[in-house]
Amino acid sequence: MPLPSWSRPVLITEPLTASPVADDRAEPLALYIHWPFCVSKCPYCDFNSHVRESVDIAEWQAALLADLAHEAAILPGRALGSIFFGGGTPSLMPPGLVEALIEAATGHWPASDNIEITLEANPSSVEAARFADLARAGVNRVSLGLQALDDATLGFLGRAHGVDEGVRALATAQQHFSRVSFDLIYARPGQTLGQWEAELSRALSFGTGHLSLYQLTIEPGTRFETLVRRGELVPADDDHCADLFDLTRSLTSAHGLPAYEISNHARPGEQSRHNLTYWRYGDYAGIGPGAHGRRGSLATERHRKPENYLAAVARNGHGLSVERPLDAETRAMEALLMGLRLAEGVDLARIAALSGVAEAALIDRAAAEKLSALGLAHMTASHLTVTERGMPLLDALLAELVAIEPPQAL
């Protein structure tokens, strides 16, 4: 999860401690575990992923367990609501390592009832063969990176699997996990409304309770950005993207999977509880290379490069590279920017209590009233929601609605 550019990094030597303005220790904690390794790098991907010829599993298990113990010592007395194995490609992890990390995490923190334990997986036949063992290890939700249901598009996206292999992996996942989600990327160059309607309709026919549907974004530093800069790749234009977005909302709602976040769709009760912790601005611990976390009014980040992370854990007993105190304005702004992505909107009184910024200073009330009159937002005394009609314009609306200004970097 990217940190604001105006949030000034602080190199850490000893762990910092800070308390949030509101005591949120009663809320379940989320745990993110980053596995940074992939078989290859996709041309659209800007995540912290790395290709290595070999990985010393014993060394990585020891490092991740040590890093986890460090976070647990700083965050005692919390219930654990979710664990999320992200990457990279976590389905490349041996099930024994996954099990060891789950056992350690639930040993440090008591697990909430019905704890959600998600693992991201590539839909290859090799990785699908591990699904039964991963389920026995404790994983109860899997998120598959199908990305497309067209072989030519999968080649364009740099994916190693084909459609048939991906669909078979999805069927295997549905046999072994009680909850299954998968990702698709749309608004691809040249993709028509008819093509996306047919592809999404097929995706909805598979019967999963959750879909993550992302418009193709050209991220800095990726292979696709280089191609765009050279004029070899032309992204879809904004008007066409808006039409595709509207079609996506219409189809998913008609099939009982309405959008609960701008890019995520679920049946009632199937929402990702782990990701809701981020969007609702709850506390989460992050371990593994490049993992980010939030501890009340502190933001944490681990060393990104795998080798640097291992060296830091060996040297310090943890993989932290920075701990960043977050002032009240930063916390309030982050909570607003994250929460307004959700269909449920934000509770302004809660954000004021969490951040220490006065509720009246959070939102430009005149702008909220104007946007409400246009049907783009809905404002009550202490609650703000971006409407279905306003969601395609979210970035522009945020610029008008959010009243607080971040501090200037020194």
Foldseek 3Di string as FASTA:
>chain_A
DDDDPQFDFDFDDDDDDDAFLFHPQADAAEEEEEDAEACDDWQQDPFLHDHDPDDDLVLVLVLQLLQLVVVLVRNADHEHQEYEYYYHAQLVRQLVSLLVVVVSNCVSHPYDVPRAYEYEHELAPVSLVCLQSNLVSPHAEYEYAPAFQQQVVCVVRVHPDHNVSNVVSVVSNVVRHVAYEYEYEDQAPPDALVNLLVGVVVVLVVPGFKYFYHYRDRDPPGNVVVCVVVVNGDGHDLVRVVVSQVSVQVVLVVSQFHAQFSGMTGHVPRDDPNVVCQLQVHWYHYADAQTWTDDQQKIWGFHSDRVLQSVCCVVPSHRTGTIGGHALLSQLLSNQLSNQRGQQFHFLVVSCSRRVDDSVQFWDVVLQVVCVVVVQWDDDPGGIYGHPVNSSVVVVSSVHTGRGDDDGRD
